[in-house]
Each structure stands twice: as C-alpha cells, then as structure tokens.
Amino acid sequence: MDGLLTIEKGIPLPMRGRAKSKFGLTAINMKPSDSVVLPTAKEVDQLRYALRHRYGTGSYTIEKIPYKGWRVWRVK
C-alpha cells in the first residue's frame, strides 16, 4: 500500500441523535403538498416543530377543521 486510504462511495449515513418520534418520522416522510389531520393542539405543535426543524421556517401551513381538529400541510 502506498499510504492512501480506500475511499468508498454510496454508503448511507447512520441515523444519529435521539430516536425519532412519530411526528419526526411523519415529517421525514411528508412531501410538499402532503397533509395530516391531527385531533389536538399539542400534536399540531409537535408536528409543526418537526417540520420547521427539518425543512425550515415557512415549511407548513395549518387550518382548523370543525369537529375534527387541524390539518397540517407541508408546503416546502
């Protein structure tokens, strides 16, 4: 060997940090224009945080749905 290390390409990075919550996993799997209906304001806040953390400010919009809860869309 002439002192060079072997470079490998295409190896996926491992997931790091804490285990993902259902809201974090939902945010990861949402594409722009996808939406989710959530029954409580607490769940809305958790999904909003996950979307903002992953995709940045302005990445979601929310609308109140009478008798059902809230609909959260990923917009970017």
N, C-alpha and C. Protein backbone atom coordinates (compact mmCIF):
# COMPACT_ATOMS: atom_id res chain seq x y z
N MET A 1 0.85 -1.18 0.00
CA MET A 1 0.00 0.00 0.00
C MET A 1 0.89 1.24 0.00
N ASP A 2 0.50 2.23 -0.74
CA ASP A 2 1.33 3.42 -0.91
C ASP A 2 0.93 4.58 0.00
N GLY A 3 0.22 4.31 1.10
CA GLY A 3 -0.14 5.36 2.05
C GLY A 3 -1.51 5.96 1.83
N LEU A 4 -2.23 5.57 0.77
CA LEU A 4 -3.57 6.10 0.53
C LEU A 4 -4.61 5.21 1.21
N LEU A 5 -5.66 5.83 1.68
CA LEU A 5 -6.77 5.08 2.27
C LEU A 5 -7.77 4.75 1.18
N THR A 6 -8.52 3.68 1.36
CA THR A 6 -9.54 3.30 0.40
C THR A 6 -10.76 4.19 0.58
N ILE A 7 -11.21 4.82 -0.48
CA ILE A 7 -12.40 5.68 -0.45
C ILE A 7 -13.58 4.86 -0.93
N GLU A 8 -14.66 4.85 -0.14
CA GLU A 8 -15.87 4.12 -0.50
C GLU A 8 -16.98 5.12 -0.76
N LYS A 9 -17.76 4.88 -1.79
CA LYS A 9 -18.85 5.78 -2.17
C LYS A 9 -20.19 5.07 -2.02
N GLY A 10 -21.23 5.85 -1.75
CA GLY A 10 -22.59 5.32 -1.71
C GLY A 10 -22.96 4.60 -0.43
N ILE A 11 -22.20 4.77 0.64
CA ILE A 11 -22.53 4.17 1.93
C ILE A 11 -23.46 5.14 2.66
N PRO A 12 -24.71 4.73 3.01
CA PRO A 12 -25.64 5.66 3.68
C PRO A 12 -25.17 6.01 5.08
N LEU A 13 -25.45 7.26 5.48
CA LEU A 13 -25.12 7.70 6.83
C LEU A 13 -26.05 7.05 7.83
N PRO A 14 -25.56 6.68 9.01
CA PRO A 14 -26.46 6.14 10.03
C PRO A 14 -27.31 7.25 10.63
N MET A 15 -28.49 6.88 11.16
CA MET A 15 -29.32 7.86 11.86
C MET A 15 -28.61 8.22 13.15
N ARG A 16 -28.55 9.50 13.45
CA ARG A 16 -27.86 9.96 14.65
C ARG A 16 -28.83 10.64 15.59
N GLY A 17 -28.39 10.82 16.80
CA GLY A 17 -29.19 11.54 17.78
C GLY A 17 -30.26 10.66 18.39
N ARG A 18 -31.26 11.31 18.93
CA ARG A 18 -32.34 10.60 19.60
C ARG A 18 -33.19 9.83 18.59
N ALA A 19 -33.91 8.86 19.11
CA ALA A 19 -34.86 8.14 18.28
C ALA A 19 -35.91 9.12 17.78
N LYS A 20 -36.36 8.95 16.59
CA LYS A 20 -37.35 9.85 16.02
C LYS A 20 -38.74 9.55 16.59
N SER A 21 -39.48 10.59 16.91
CA SER A 21 -40.85 10.42 17.37
C SER A 21 -41.73 10.16 16.15
N LYS A 22 -42.99 9.82 16.40
CA LYS A 22 -43.90 9.62 15.27
C LYS A 22 -44.07 10.90 14.47
N PHE A 23 -43.90 12.06 15.12
CA PHE A 23 -44.02 13.33 14.41
C PHE A 23 -42.78 13.59 13.55
N GLY A 24 -41.61 13.25 14.07
CA GLY A 24 -40.39 13.38 13.30
C GLY A 24 -40.39 12.46 12.09
N LEU A 25 -40.83 11.23 12.28
CA LEU A 25 -40.90 10.28 11.17
C LEU A 25 -41.93 10.71 10.14
N THR A 26 -43.05 11.26 10.61
CA THR A 26 -44.07 11.78 9.69
C THR A 26 -43.50 12.93 8.88
N ALA A 27 -42.80 13.86 9.53
CA ALA A 27 -42.20 15.00 8.82
C ALA A 27 -41.21 14.53 7.77
N ILE A 28 -40.41 13.52 8.09
CA ILE A 28 -39.44 12.99 7.13
C ILE A 28 -40.14 12.42 5.90
N ASN A 29 -41.28 11.76 6.11
CA ASN A 29 -41.98 11.09 5.01
C ASN A 29 -42.93 11.99 4.23
N MET A 30 -43.21 13.19 4.74
CA MET A 30 -44.13 14.10 4.03
C MET A 30 -43.41 14.77 2.87
N LYS A 31 -44.10 14.82 1.74
CA LYS A 31 -43.62 15.55 0.56
C LYS A 31 -44.40 16.87 0.49
N PRO A 32 -43.89 17.87 -0.23
CA PRO A 32 -44.66 19.11 -0.37
C PRO A 32 -46.06 18.82 -0.90
N SER A 33 -47.05 19.45 -0.32
CA SER A 33 -48.49 19.35 -0.57
C SER A 33 -49.15 18.17 0.15
N ASP A 34 -48.39 17.32 0.86
CA ASP A 34 -48.99 16.28 1.71
C ASP A 34 -49.57 16.94 2.95
N SER A 35 -50.62 16.32 3.52
CA SER A 35 -51.23 16.86 4.72
C SER A 35 -51.61 15.74 5.69
N VAL A 36 -51.80 16.13 6.95
CA VAL A 36 -52.16 15.22 8.03
C VAL A 36 -53.22 15.91 8.87
N VAL A 37 -54.24 15.15 9.32
CA VAL A 37 -55.24 15.68 10.25
C VAL A 37 -54.85 15.23 11.65
N LEU A 38 -54.80 16.19 12.56
CA LEU A 38 -54.45 15.91 13.96
C LEU A 38 -55.57 16.40 14.87
N PRO A 39 -55.91 15.61 15.90
CA PRO A 39 -57.04 15.96 16.75
C PRO A 39 -56.76 16.99 17.85
N THR A 40 -55.50 17.14 18.28
CA THR A 40 -55.22 18.04 19.41
C THR A 40 -54.19 19.10 19.04
N ALA A 41 -54.27 20.23 19.73
CA ALA A 41 -53.32 21.31 19.51
C ALA A 41 -51.90 20.89 19.89
N LYS A 42 -51.77 20.03 20.89
CA LYS A 42 -50.44 19.56 21.29
C LYS A 42 -49.78 18.78 20.16
N GLU A 43 -50.54 17.92 19.49
CA GLU A 43 -49.99 17.16 18.37
C GLU A 43 -49.64 18.08 17.21
N VAL A 44 -50.45 19.09 16.98
CA VAL A 44 -50.15 20.07 15.93
C VAL A 44 -48.81 20.74 16.23
N ASP A 45 -48.61 21.16 17.46
CA ASP A 45 -47.35 21.80 17.84
C ASP A 45 -46.16 20.87 17.63
N GLN A 46 -46.32 19.59 17.95
CA GLN A 46 -45.22 18.65 17.79
C GLN A 46 -44.88 18.44 16.32
N LEU A 47 -45.88 18.33 15.45
CA LEU A 47 -45.61 18.17 14.02
C LEU A 47 -45.05 19.46 13.44
N ARG A 48 -45.58 20.61 13.85
CA ARG A 48 -45.05 21.90 13.38
C ARG A 48 -43.57 22.01 13.70
N TYR A 49 -43.19 21.67 14.93
CA TYR A 49 -41.80 21.74 15.34
C TYR A 49 -40.94 20.81 14.47
N ALA A 50 -41.41 19.59 14.24
CA ALA A 50 -40.64 18.63 13.44
C ALA A 50 -40.47 19.13 12.01
N LEU A 51 -41.53 19.68 11.42
CA LEU A 51 -41.44 20.20 10.05
C LEU A 51 -40.50 21.40 9.98
N ARG A 52 -40.62 22.33 10.94
CA ARG A 52 -39.76 23.51 10.95
C ARG A 52 -38.31 23.12 11.17
N HIS A 53 -38.07 22.17 12.06
CA HIS A 53 -36.70 21.71 12.34
C HIS A 53 -36.07 21.08 11.09
N ARG A 54 -36.86 20.30 10.35
CA ARG A 54 -36.32 19.58 9.21
C ARG A 54 -36.26 20.44 7.94
N TYR A 55 -37.27 21.27 7.68
CA TYR A 55 -37.37 21.97 6.41
C TYR A 55 -37.29 23.49 6.51
N GLY A 56 -37.26 24.05 7.72
CA GLY A 56 -37.09 25.49 7.89
C GLY A 56 -38.39 26.24 8.07
N THR A 57 -38.24 27.52 8.37
CA THR A 57 -39.39 28.40 8.58
C THR A 57 -40.24 28.46 7.32
N GLY A 58 -41.55 28.46 7.49
CA GLY A 58 -42.46 28.55 6.36
C GLY A 58 -42.67 27.23 5.64
N SER A 59 -42.34 26.13 6.28
CA SER A 59 -42.44 24.83 5.63
C SER A 59 -43.81 24.16 5.82
N TYR A 60 -44.71 24.80 6.55
CA TYR A 60 -46.01 24.20 6.81
C TYR A 60 -47.07 25.28 6.87
N THR A 61 -48.32 24.85 6.72
CA THR A 61 -49.47 25.71 6.95
C THR A 61 -50.54 24.88 7.66
N ILE A 62 -51.38 25.54 8.43
CA ILE A 62 -52.36 24.85 9.27
C ILE A 62 -53.74 25.46 9.07
N GLU A 63 -54.77 24.62 9.10
CA GLU A 63 -56.15 25.10 9.04
C GLU A 63 -56.98 24.32 10.05
N LYS A 64 -57.82 25.02 10.79
CA LYS A 64 -58.73 24.39 11.75
C LYS A 64 -59.87 23.74 10.99
N ILE A 65 -60.20 22.50 11.35
CA ILE A 65 -61.31 21.77 10.74
C ILE A 65 -62.37 21.57 11.81
N PRO A 66 -63.57 22.13 11.64
CA PRO A 66 -64.60 22.00 12.67
C PRO A 66 -64.89 20.53 13.00
N TYR A 67 -64.92 20.22 14.27
CA TYR A 67 -65.26 18.90 14.81
C TYR A 67 -64.24 17.80 14.52
N LYS A 68 -63.12 18.12 13.88
CA LYS A 68 -62.11 17.10 13.59
C LYS A 68 -60.75 17.42 14.18
N GLY A 69 -60.40 18.68 14.25
CA GLY A 69 -59.08 19.08 14.72
C GLY A 69 -58.44 20.07 13.78
N TRP A 70 -57.23 19.77 13.35
CA TRP A 70 -56.46 20.64 12.47
C TRP A 70 -55.86 19.83 11.34
N ARG A 71 -55.72 20.46 10.18
CA ARG A 71 -55.00 19.86 9.06
C ARG A 71 -53.69 20.63 8.92
N VAL A 72 -52.59 19.89 8.82
CA VAL A 72 -51.25 20.47 8.66
C VAL A 72 -50.71 20.02 7.32
N TRP A 73 -50.34 20.99 6.47
CA TRP A 73 -49.73 20.70 5.17
C TRP A 73 -48.25 21.03 5.21
N ARG A 74 -47.46 20.24 4.52
CA ARG A 74 -46.06 20.62 4.25
C ARG A 74 -46.09 21.39 2.95
N VAL A 75 -45.53 22.61 2.95
CA VAL A 75 -45.59 23.45 1.75
C VAL A 75 -44.25 23.61 1.04
N LYS A 76 -43.15 23.29 1.72
CA LYS A 76 -41.86 23.34 1.01
C LYS A 76 -40.94 22.24 1.49
